[in-house]
Amino acid sequence: MYGLYDKEGILRFVDSDKDACIAYAELFELSSKNYCLMNLANDIKKVEGKTNLDQNLGENNN
């Protein structure tokens, strides 16, 4: 899975095909200086088991 991020770090597009992400950038005339392409599948495997994403575990102090 690949993710296309703009220069502000906002995720613009996600697809399993790297070329589809590049085509999306070209469609919106994003130059390679204005985006980065990341392999999200590899990033997910690195944090798997180390991060608990369950938001109901903590107490609300408000």
N, C-alpha and C. Protein backbone atom coordinates (compact mmCIF):
# COMPACT_ATOMS: atom_id res chain seq x y z
N MET A 1 0.85 -1.17 0.00
CA MET A 1 0.00 0.00 0.00
C MET A 1 0.90 1.24 0.00
N TYR A 2 0.60 2.17 -0.88
CA TYR A 2 1.38 3.39 -0.99
C TYR A 2 0.51 4.59 -0.64
N GLY A 3 1.14 5.58 -0.03
CA GLY A 3 0.46 6.82 0.29
C GLY A 3 1.22 7.99 -0.31
N LEU A 4 0.49 8.93 -0.86
CA LEU A 4 1.07 10.12 -1.45
C LEU A 4 0.79 11.28 -0.50
N TYR A 5 1.84 11.88 0.03
CA TYR A 5 1.72 13.00 0.96
C TYR A 5 2.18 14.29 0.28
N ASP A 6 1.46 15.40 0.54
CA ASP A 6 1.91 16.67 -0.02
C ASP A 6 3.02 17.24 0.86
N LYS A 7 3.56 18.40 0.46
CA LYS A 7 4.70 18.95 1.18
C LYS A 7 4.34 19.40 2.59
N GLU A 8 3.04 19.56 2.89
CA GLU A 8 2.61 19.88 4.25
C GLU A 8 2.41 18.62 5.10
N GLY A 9 2.57 17.46 4.51
CA GLY A 9 2.42 16.21 5.24
C GLY A 9 1.00 15.68 5.27
N ILE A 10 0.13 16.22 4.43
CA ILE A 10 -1.26 15.76 4.38
C ILE A 10 -1.37 14.59 3.39
N LEU A 11 -1.98 13.51 3.83
CA LEU A 11 -2.17 12.35 2.97
C LEU A 11 -3.18 12.70 1.89
N ARG A 12 -2.76 12.65 0.64
CA ARG A 12 -3.61 13.02 -0.49
C ARG A 12 -4.24 11.82 -1.19
N PHE A 13 -3.54 10.68 -1.21
CA PHE A 13 -4.01 9.55 -2.01
C PHE A 13 -3.40 8.26 -1.47
N VAL A 14 -4.18 7.18 -1.45
CA VAL A 14 -3.71 5.86 -1.03
C VAL A 14 -4.12 4.84 -2.07
N ASP A 15 -3.20 3.96 -2.45
CA ASP A 15 -3.51 2.92 -3.43
C ASP A 15 -2.49 1.80 -3.26
N SER A 16 -2.83 0.64 -3.72
CA SER A 16 -1.89 -0.49 -3.65
C SER A 16 -0.88 -0.44 -4.78
N ASP A 17 -1.11 0.42 -5.77
CA ASP A 17 -0.23 0.52 -6.93
C ASP A 17 0.57 1.82 -6.89
N LYS A 18 1.87 1.71 -6.88
CA LYS A 18 2.76 2.87 -6.85
C LYS A 18 2.53 3.79 -8.05
N ASP A 19 2.34 3.21 -9.22
CA ASP A 19 2.13 4.01 -10.42
C ASP A 19 0.83 4.80 -10.37
N ALA A 20 -0.18 4.28 -9.70
CA ALA A 20 -1.44 5.01 -9.56
C ALA A 20 -1.24 6.26 -8.70
N CYS A 21 -0.41 6.16 -7.68
CA CYS A 21 -0.12 7.32 -6.85
C CYS A 21 0.62 8.39 -7.65
N ILE A 22 1.56 7.97 -8.45
CA ILE A 22 2.31 8.91 -9.28
C ILE A 22 1.39 9.54 -10.33
N ALA A 23 0.49 8.76 -10.90
CA ALA A 23 -0.47 9.29 -11.88
C ALA A 23 -1.38 10.32 -11.22
N TYR A 24 -1.77 10.09 -9.97
CA TYR A 24 -2.59 11.06 -9.24
C TYR A 24 -1.84 12.37 -9.08
N ALA A 25 -0.57 12.30 -8.72
CA ALA A 25 0.24 13.50 -8.56
C ALA A 25 0.35 14.25 -9.88
N GLU A 26 0.53 13.53 -10.95
CA GLU A 26 0.62 14.15 -12.27
C GLU A 26 -0.71 14.79 -12.68
N LEU A 27 -1.81 14.13 -12.34
CA LEU A 27 -3.13 14.65 -12.66
C LEU A 27 -3.34 16.03 -12.05
N PHE A 28 -2.88 16.19 -10.82
CA PHE A 28 -3.04 17.47 -10.13
C PHE A 28 -1.80 18.35 -10.23
N GLU A 29 -0.93 17.99 -11.16
CA GLU A 29 0.26 18.77 -11.48
C GLU A 29 1.15 19.03 -10.27
N LEU A 30 1.28 18.01 -9.41
CA LEU A 30 2.20 18.09 -8.28
C LEU A 30 3.58 17.66 -8.77
N SER A 31 4.56 18.52 -8.62
CA SER A 31 5.91 18.13 -9.02
C SER A 31 6.50 17.23 -7.93
N SER A 32 7.53 16.49 -8.28
CA SER A 32 8.13 15.57 -7.31
C SER A 32 8.74 16.31 -6.12
N LYS A 33 8.93 17.61 -6.23
CA LYS A 33 9.43 18.42 -5.11
C LYS A 33 8.32 18.73 -4.11
N ASN A 34 7.06 18.54 -4.52
CA ASN A 34 5.93 18.90 -3.68
C ASN A 34 5.19 17.71 -3.07
N TYR A 35 5.72 16.50 -3.26
CA TYR A 35 5.08 15.34 -2.64
C TYR A 35 6.12 14.28 -2.31
N CYS A 36 5.74 13.36 -1.44
CA CYS A 36 6.57 12.19 -1.17
C CYS A 36 5.66 10.97 -1.22
N LEU A 37 6.22 9.88 -1.64
CA LEU A 37 5.51 8.61 -1.78
C LEU A 37 6.07 7.66 -0.73
N MET A 38 5.19 7.10 0.09
CA MET A 38 5.64 6.21 1.16
C MET A 38 4.96 4.86 1.03
N ASN A 39 5.72 3.82 1.30
CA ASN A 39 5.19 2.46 1.34
C ASN A 39 4.57 2.25 2.72
N LEU A 40 3.25 2.36 2.81
CA LEU A 40 2.57 2.30 4.09
C LEU A 40 2.55 0.90 4.68
N ALA A 41 2.55 -0.13 3.87
CA ALA A 41 2.52 -1.51 4.39
C ALA A 41 3.75 -1.78 5.23
N ASN A 42 4.92 -1.33 4.80
CA ASN A 42 6.14 -1.53 5.57
C ASN A 42 6.11 -0.73 6.86
N ASP A 43 5.56 0.48 6.85
CA ASP A 43 5.48 1.30 8.04
C ASP A 43 4.54 0.69 9.07
N ILE A 44 3.44 0.11 8.62
CA ILE A 44 2.47 -0.50 9.53
C ILE A 44 3.10 -1.69 10.23
N LYS A 45 3.87 -2.49 9.54
CA LYS A 45 4.50 -3.66 10.14
C LYS A 45 5.49 -3.25 11.22
N LYS A 46 6.16 -2.12 11.07
CA LYS A 46 7.14 -1.66 12.06
C LYS A 46 6.50 -1.30 13.39
N VAL A 47 5.29 -0.72 13.36
CA VAL A 47 4.66 -0.29 14.60
C VAL A 47 3.66 -1.31 15.13
N GLU A 48 3.39 -2.34 14.38
CA GLU A 48 2.43 -3.35 14.80
C GLU A 48 2.90 -4.00 16.10
N GLY A 49 2.02 -4.05 17.09
CA GLY A 49 2.36 -4.67 18.36
C GLY A 49 3.01 -3.70 19.33
N LYS A 50 3.40 -2.53 18.88
CA LYS A 50 4.05 -1.56 19.76
C LYS A 50 3.11 -0.42 20.14
N THR A 51 2.02 -0.27 19.42
CA THR A 51 1.12 0.85 19.63
C THR A 51 -0.28 0.33 19.88
N ASN A 52 -0.91 0.84 20.91
CA ASN A 52 -2.30 0.48 21.20
C ASN A 52 -3.17 1.64 20.73
N LEU A 53 -4.00 1.39 19.74
CA LEU A 53 -4.82 2.44 19.17
C LEU A 53 -6.22 2.50 19.79
N ASP A 54 -6.46 1.74 20.83
CA ASP A 54 -7.75 1.74 21.49
C ASP A 54 -7.90 3.02 22.30
N GLN A 55 -8.80 3.91 21.87
CA GLN A 55 -8.96 5.20 22.51
C GLN A 55 -9.80 5.11 23.78
N ASN A 56 -10.35 3.96 24.06
CA ASN A 56 -11.21 3.82 25.24
C ASN A 56 -10.45 3.38 26.48
N LEU A 57 -9.15 3.24 26.41
CA LEU A 57 -8.39 2.75 27.56
C LEU A 57 -8.12 3.83 28.59
N GLY A 58 -7.95 5.06 28.17
CA GLY A 58 -7.61 6.13 29.11
C GLY A 58 -8.83 6.77 29.73
N GLU A 59 -8.61 7.40 30.91
CA GLU A 59 -9.69 8.12 31.54
C GLU A 59 -9.82 9.50 30.95
N ASN A 60 -11.00 10.04 30.97
CA ASN A 60 -11.24 11.40 30.51
C ASN A 60 -11.14 12.33 31.71
N ASN A 61 -10.20 13.26 31.67
CA ASN A 61 -9.97 14.17 32.79
C ASN A 61 -10.70 15.49 32.62
N ASN A 62 -11.60 15.57 31.66
CA ASN A 62 -12.30 16.84 31.44
C ASN A 62 -13.39 17.03 32.41
